[in-house]
Amino acid sequence: MAPAPVAVSNEIEVLRHQARVTQRVMRLNVEGISHEESLIQPQPAGNCLNWVIGHLVFAYELIFPLLGQKPVMGEGRLKPYARHSSPLKDSDEALPLQELLAAFDKASERVDAGLAGLATKKLDEPAPYSPTNDPKETVRSLLASVSFHQAYHAGQTGLLRRVVGKLGAIA
């Protein structure tokens, strides 16, 4: 049974709600998956579950300065999980799945705390960067894009769960 809808009063609360739902979906999808299973590559192409989880952490780390939060792992450790990085083919390149999951949980807490402290008027300010190279990117549009990005990849974790031979986690 689906949880009862949550009433949200403003766009920052909507972003916080979306981040919490994304975290919940991702956690359900990775339940019972081992580190070794997280490295199974989808065929004929794509990224493994381990890469997707690391990429989710990487994406949150990029917005931490905007939200007044400190990094969980740092971009250096997460370099193999950056946008356009090569698929993880060697298990030595991959961080342990449990470490990535713990980092994602901590990153999610920091995103929630950062959003909770974000003034609504800041949403109209220019963004510090733009994933789409939009010179008119605002904090609002950047946070909306990051929210979509995270949900998109959380959905991939459901498919990758099936790639490793597990039943779907969300009915």
Foldseek 3Di string as FASTA:
>chain_A
DDDDDDDDDDDLSVLLVLLVVLLVLLCLLCPPPFQVLQQDADPPHDAGNLLLLLLLLVLLCVCCVVLVHHRLPDCVLSVCNHPPHDHDPDSVNTDGSVVSNVSSVVSSVSSSNSSVPDDPVQQCDADPDDPVRDRNHGNVNSSVVSSVVSNVSSVVSQVSSVVSPDDGRDD
